[in-house]
C-alpha cells in the first residue's frame, strides 16, 4: 500500500509538469521583478520552452486548444490526456 501511494504521488507530480512550469515561470518573472509587457513576454516564452520539453503535454495542449477548452475543463483534460499518453509524444486518446 505504501508503494502504491508513492507511485501515485510521483505520477501526480509528473502530470502537473505544465502547471508547475507555469508557476515556475511566474516565480522567475517575479524574481526578476518584471512587470507589464516584459513579464507577459517572459512568461509566454518560458511556458513555450517548458511545453517543448514535454512532448506529451505539448500534444495535449494542442488538442485542448482545438477543443476550445478553458479553466477547470482544460485542467482536467490535460491531466487525463498526459496520463493516457504516458508522458510519451503519442496522440491523446479520445
N, C-alpha and C. Protein backbone atom coordinates (compact mmCIF):
# COMPACT_ATOMS: atom_id res chain seq x y z
N UNK A 1 0.82 -1.18 0.00
CA UNK A 1 0.00 0.00 0.00
C UNK A 1 0.87 1.26 0.00
N UNK A 2 1.95 1.22 0.77
CA UNK A 2 2.85 2.37 0.83
C UNK A 2 3.47 2.61 -0.55
N UNK A 3 3.83 1.50 -1.23
CA UNK A 3 4.41 1.60 -2.57
C UNK A 3 3.41 2.24 -3.53
N UNK A 4 2.14 1.84 -3.45
CA UNK A 4 1.11 2.38 -4.31
C UNK A 4 0.95 3.88 -4.09
N UNK A 5 0.97 4.31 -2.85
CA UNK A 5 0.85 5.74 -2.55
C UNK A 5 2.03 6.52 -3.11
N UNK A 6 3.21 5.94 -3.01
CA UNK A 6 4.41 6.60 -3.54
C UNK A 6 4.33 6.73 -5.06
N UNK A 7 3.93 5.66 -5.72
CA UNK A 7 3.79 5.68 -7.18
C UNK A 7 2.74 6.70 -7.59
N UNK A 8 1.63 6.72 -6.89
CA UNK A 8 0.57 7.67 -7.20
C UNK A 8 1.04 9.11 -7.01
N UNK A 9 1.76 9.37 -5.94
CA UNK A 9 2.28 10.71 -5.70
C UNK A 9 3.26 11.14 -6.79
N UNK A 10 4.12 10.24 -7.20
CA UNK A 10 5.07 10.56 -8.27
C UNK A 10 4.36 10.79 -9.60
N UNK A 11 3.32 10.00 -9.86
CA UNK A 11 2.55 10.16 -11.09
C UNK A 11 1.89 11.53 -11.13
N UNK A 12 1.26 11.91 -10.05
CA UNK A 12 0.61 13.23 -9.98
C UNK A 12 1.63 14.33 -10.16
N UNK A 13 2.79 14.17 -9.57
CA UNK A 13 3.84 15.18 -9.71
C UNK A 13 4.28 15.32 -11.16
N UNK A 14 4.41 14.20 -11.83
CA UNK A 14 4.82 14.23 -13.24
C UNK A 14 3.75 14.83 -14.13
N UNK A 15 2.50 14.54 -13.80
CA UNK A 15 1.40 15.05 -14.62
C UNK A 15 1.22 16.55 -14.48
N UNK A 16 1.65 17.09 -13.39
CA UNK A 16 1.47 18.52 -13.18
C UNK A 16 2.64 19.33 -13.72
N UNK A 17 3.40 18.77 -14.63
CA UNK A 17 4.57 19.45 -15.17
C UNK A 17 4.22 20.79 -15.79
N UNK A 18 3.17 20.83 -16.60
CA UNK A 18 2.84 22.10 -17.24
C UNK A 18 2.36 23.12 -16.22
N UNK A 19 1.58 22.69 -15.24
CA UNK A 19 1.15 23.62 -14.20
C UNK A 19 2.33 24.08 -13.38
N UNK A 20 3.22 23.16 -13.07
CA UNK A 20 4.42 23.50 -12.31
C UNK A 20 5.28 24.48 -13.10
N UNK A 21 5.43 24.22 -14.40
CA UNK A 21 6.25 25.10 -15.23
C UNK A 21 5.66 26.50 -15.27
N UNK A 22 4.32 26.58 -15.36
CA UNK A 22 3.68 27.89 -15.38
C UNK A 22 3.95 28.63 -14.07
N UNK A 23 3.84 27.91 -12.95
CA UNK A 23 4.13 28.53 -11.66
C UNK A 23 5.58 28.94 -11.56
N UNK A 24 6.46 28.12 -12.08
CA UNK A 24 7.88 28.42 -12.07
C UNK A 24 8.18 29.65 -12.91
N UNK A 25 7.54 29.74 -14.05
CA UNK A 25 7.76 30.90 -14.92
C UNK A 25 7.28 32.18 -14.25
N UNK A 26 6.14 32.11 -13.59
CA UNK A 26 5.64 33.27 -12.87
C UNK A 26 6.60 33.66 -11.74
N UNK A 27 7.11 32.64 -11.05
CA UNK A 27 8.05 32.89 -9.95
C UNK A 27 9.34 33.52 -10.47
N UNK A 28 9.83 33.02 -11.61
CA UNK A 28 11.04 33.58 -12.20
C UNK A 28 10.82 35.03 -12.61
N UNK A 29 9.64 35.33 -13.16
CA UNK A 29 9.33 36.70 -13.57
C UNK A 29 9.29 37.62 -12.35
N UNK A 30 8.70 37.11 -11.27
CA UNK A 30 8.64 37.91 -10.04
C UNK A 30 10.04 38.12 -9.47
N UNK A 31 10.86 37.08 -9.53
CA UNK A 31 12.23 37.17 -9.03
C UNK A 31 13.03 38.21 -9.81
N UNK A 32 12.76 38.29 -11.11
CA UNK A 32 13.46 39.26 -11.96
C UNK A 32 12.80 40.64 -11.91
N UNK A 33 11.71 40.73 -11.13
CA UNK A 33 10.96 41.98 -10.96
C UNK A 33 10.45 42.53 -12.29
N UNK A 34 9.95 41.60 -13.12
CA UNK A 34 9.38 42.00 -14.40
C UNK A 34 7.92 42.40 -14.20
N UNK A 35 7.45 43.32 -15.03
CA UNK A 35 6.06 43.75 -14.96
C UNK A 35 5.59 44.12 -16.36
N UNK A 36 4.28 44.14 -16.53
CA UNK A 36 3.69 44.58 -17.80
C UNK A 36 4.05 43.69 -18.97
N UNK A 37 4.37 44.33 -20.08
CA UNK A 37 4.66 43.61 -21.32
C UNK A 37 5.90 42.74 -21.20
N UNK A 38 6.90 43.19 -20.47
CA UNK A 38 8.12 42.40 -20.29
C UNK A 38 7.81 41.09 -19.56
N UNK A 39 6.96 41.18 -18.53
CA UNK A 39 6.58 39.98 -17.78
C UNK A 39 5.77 39.03 -18.67
N UNK A 40 4.81 39.57 -19.38
CA UNK A 40 3.98 38.75 -20.27
C UNK A 40 4.82 38.03 -21.30
N UNK A 41 5.75 38.75 -21.91
CA UNK A 41 6.62 38.17 -22.91
C UNK A 41 7.51 37.07 -22.32
N UNK A 42 8.07 37.35 -21.16
CA UNK A 42 8.94 36.38 -20.50
C UNK A 42 8.17 35.11 -20.14
N UNK A 43 6.99 35.26 -19.53
CA UNK A 43 6.20 34.10 -19.11
C UNK A 43 5.76 33.29 -20.33
N UNK A 44 5.36 33.97 -21.40
CA UNK A 44 4.93 33.28 -22.62
C UNK A 44 6.07 32.44 -23.19
N UNK A 45 7.27 33.01 -23.27
CA UNK A 45 8.42 32.28 -23.80
C UNK A 45 8.80 31.13 -22.87
N UNK A 46 8.78 31.38 -21.58
CA UNK A 46 9.12 30.36 -20.60
C UNK A 46 8.15 29.18 -20.69
N UNK A 47 6.84 29.48 -20.78
CA UNK A 47 5.84 28.42 -20.92
C UNK A 47 6.04 27.63 -22.20
N UNK A 48 6.36 28.33 -23.29
CA UNK A 48 6.58 27.67 -24.58
C UNK A 48 7.78 26.72 -24.48
N UNK A 49 8.84 27.17 -23.83
CA UNK A 49 10.02 26.33 -23.65
C UNK A 49 9.71 25.11 -22.78
N UNK A 50 8.88 25.30 -21.75
CA UNK A 50 8.51 24.20 -20.87
C UNK A 50 7.67 23.17 -21.63
N UNK A 51 6.79 23.62 -22.51
CA UNK A 51 5.96 22.70 -23.29
C UNK A 51 6.83 21.93 -24.29
N UNK A 52 7.85 22.56 -24.83
CA UNK A 52 8.74 21.89 -25.76
C UNK A 52 9.51 20.78 -25.07
N UNK A 53 9.76 20.94 -23.79
CA UNK A 53 10.50 19.93 -23.02
C UNK A 53 9.64 18.71 -22.72
N UNK A 54 8.32 18.83 -22.81
CA UNK A 54 7.41 17.72 -22.54
C UNK A 54 6.49 17.52 -23.74
N UNK A 55 6.87 16.64 -24.69
CA UNK A 55 6.09 16.45 -25.91
C UNK A 55 4.64 16.01 -25.66
N UNK A 56 4.41 15.19 -24.65
CA UNK A 56 3.04 14.74 -24.36
C UNK A 56 2.18 15.92 -23.96
N UNK A 57 2.70 16.78 -23.12
CA UNK A 57 1.95 17.95 -22.68
C UNK A 57 1.70 18.89 -23.86
N UNK A 58 2.67 19.01 -24.75
CA UNK A 58 2.51 19.87 -25.91
C UNK A 58 1.40 19.34 -26.82
N UNK A 59 1.37 18.04 -27.05
CA UNK A 59 0.32 17.44 -27.88
C UNK A 59 -1.04 17.62 -27.24
N UNK A 60 -1.10 17.44 -25.94
CA UNK A 60 -2.36 17.62 -25.22
C UNK A 60 -2.80 19.08 -25.23
N UNK A 61 -1.85 19.98 -25.10
CA UNK A 61 -2.16 21.41 -25.15
C UNK A 61 -2.77 21.77 -26.50
N UNK A 62 -2.21 21.21 -27.56
CA UNK A 62 -2.71 21.49 -28.91
C UNK A 62 -4.15 21.00 -29.06
N UNK A 63 -4.43 19.78 -28.60
CA UNK A 63 -5.78 19.26 -28.74
C UNK A 63 -6.76 20.00 -27.83
N UNK A 64 -6.31 20.46 -26.68
CA UNK A 64 -7.21 21.23 -25.81
C UNK A 64 -7.56 22.57 -26.47
N UNK A 65 -6.61 23.14 -27.19
CA UNK A 65 -6.88 24.39 -27.90
C UNK A 65 -7.86 24.15 -29.05
N UNK A 66 -7.71 23.02 -29.74
CA UNK A 66 -8.63 22.68 -30.82
C UNK A 66 -10.04 22.48 -30.29
N UNK A 67 -10.14 21.93 -29.09
CA UNK A 67 -11.44 21.70 -28.46
C UNK A 67 -11.97 22.95 -27.76
N UNK A 68 -11.17 24.02 -27.74
CA UNK A 68 -11.50 25.30 -27.11
C UNK A 68 -11.85 25.13 -25.64
N UNK A 69 -11.02 24.35 -24.94
CA UNK A 69 -11.22 24.14 -23.51
C UNK A 69 -10.54 25.25 -22.72
N UNK A 70 -11.10 25.56 -21.57
CA UNK A 70 -10.51 26.59 -20.71
C UNK A 70 -10.85 26.27 -19.26
N UNK A 71 -10.09 26.85 -18.35
CA UNK A 71 -10.36 26.72 -16.92
C UNK A 71 -10.25 25.30 -16.41
N UNK A 72 -11.23 24.92 -15.59
CA UNK A 72 -11.22 23.60 -14.95
C UNK A 72 -11.34 22.48 -15.98
N UNK A 73 -12.11 22.70 -17.04
CA UNK A 73 -12.26 21.68 -18.07
C UNK A 73 -10.91 21.40 -18.74
N UNK A 74 -10.15 22.46 -19.00
CA UNK A 74 -8.84 22.29 -19.63
C UNK A 74 -7.89 21.59 -18.67
N UNK A 75 -7.89 21.98 -17.42
CA UNK A 75 -7.01 21.35 -16.43
C UNK A 75 -7.30 19.86 -16.32
N UNK A 76 -8.57 19.52 -16.23
CA UNK A 76 -8.97 18.12 -16.13
C UNK A 76 -8.57 17.34 -17.38
N UNK A 77 -8.82 17.94 -18.54
CA UNK A 77 -8.47 17.28 -19.80
C UNK A 77 -6.95 17.07 -19.90
N UNK A 78 -6.19 18.10 -19.56
CA UNK A 78 -4.73 17.99 -19.65
C UNK A 78 -4.21 16.88 -18.74
N UNK A 79 -4.74 16.80 -17.53
CA UNK A 79 -4.31 15.79 -16.57
C UNK A 79 -4.57 14.39 -17.13
N UNK A 80 -5.79 14.17 -17.66
CA UNK A 80 -6.15 12.86 -18.19
C UNK A 80 -5.36 12.57 -19.47
N UNK A 81 -5.22 13.55 -20.32
CA UNK A 81 -4.53 13.37 -21.60
C UNK A 81 -3.07 12.97 -21.40
N UNK A 82 -2.38 13.67 -20.53
CA UNK A 82 -0.97 13.36 -20.28
C UNK A 82 -0.84 11.98 -19.63
N UNK A 83 -1.78 11.64 -18.76
CA UNK A 83 -1.75 10.32 -18.13
C UNK A 83 -1.97 9.22 -19.16
N UNK A 84 -2.94 9.44 -20.07
CA UNK A 84 -3.22 8.45 -21.11
C UNK A 84 -2.05 8.31 -22.07
N UNK A 85 -1.36 9.42 -22.33
CA UNK A 85 -0.22 9.40 -23.23
C UNK A 85 1.00 8.76 -22.57
N UNK A 86 0.96 8.63 -21.27
CA UNK A 86 2.07 8.03 -20.55
C UNK A 86 3.34 8.86 -20.62
N UNK A 87 3.17 10.15 -20.87
CA UNK A 87 4.32 11.03 -20.94
C UNK A 87 5.06 10.93 -22.26
N UNK A 88 4.56 10.11 -23.18
CA UNK A 88 5.20 9.95 -24.49
C UNK A 88 4.60 10.94 -25.46
N UNK A 89 5.19 11.05 -26.63
CA UNK A 89 4.74 12.00 -27.64
C UNK A 89 3.66 11.39 -28.51
N UNK A 90 2.84 10.51 -27.98
CA UNK A 90 1.78 9.91 -28.77
C UNK A 90 0.56 10.80 -28.77
N UNK A 91 -0.32 10.55 -29.71
CA UNK A 91 -1.55 11.32 -29.79
C UNK A 91 -2.46 10.96 -28.62
N UNK A 92 -3.17 11.95 -28.09
CA UNK A 92 -4.04 11.65 -26.95
C UNK A 92 -5.21 10.78 -27.36
N UNK A 93 -5.66 9.94 -26.44
CA UNK A 93 -6.81 9.07 -26.69
C UNK A 93 -8.08 9.91 -26.64
N UNK A 94 -9.07 9.53 -27.44
CA UNK A 94 -10.33 10.27 -27.46
C UNK A 94 -11.45 9.40 -26.98
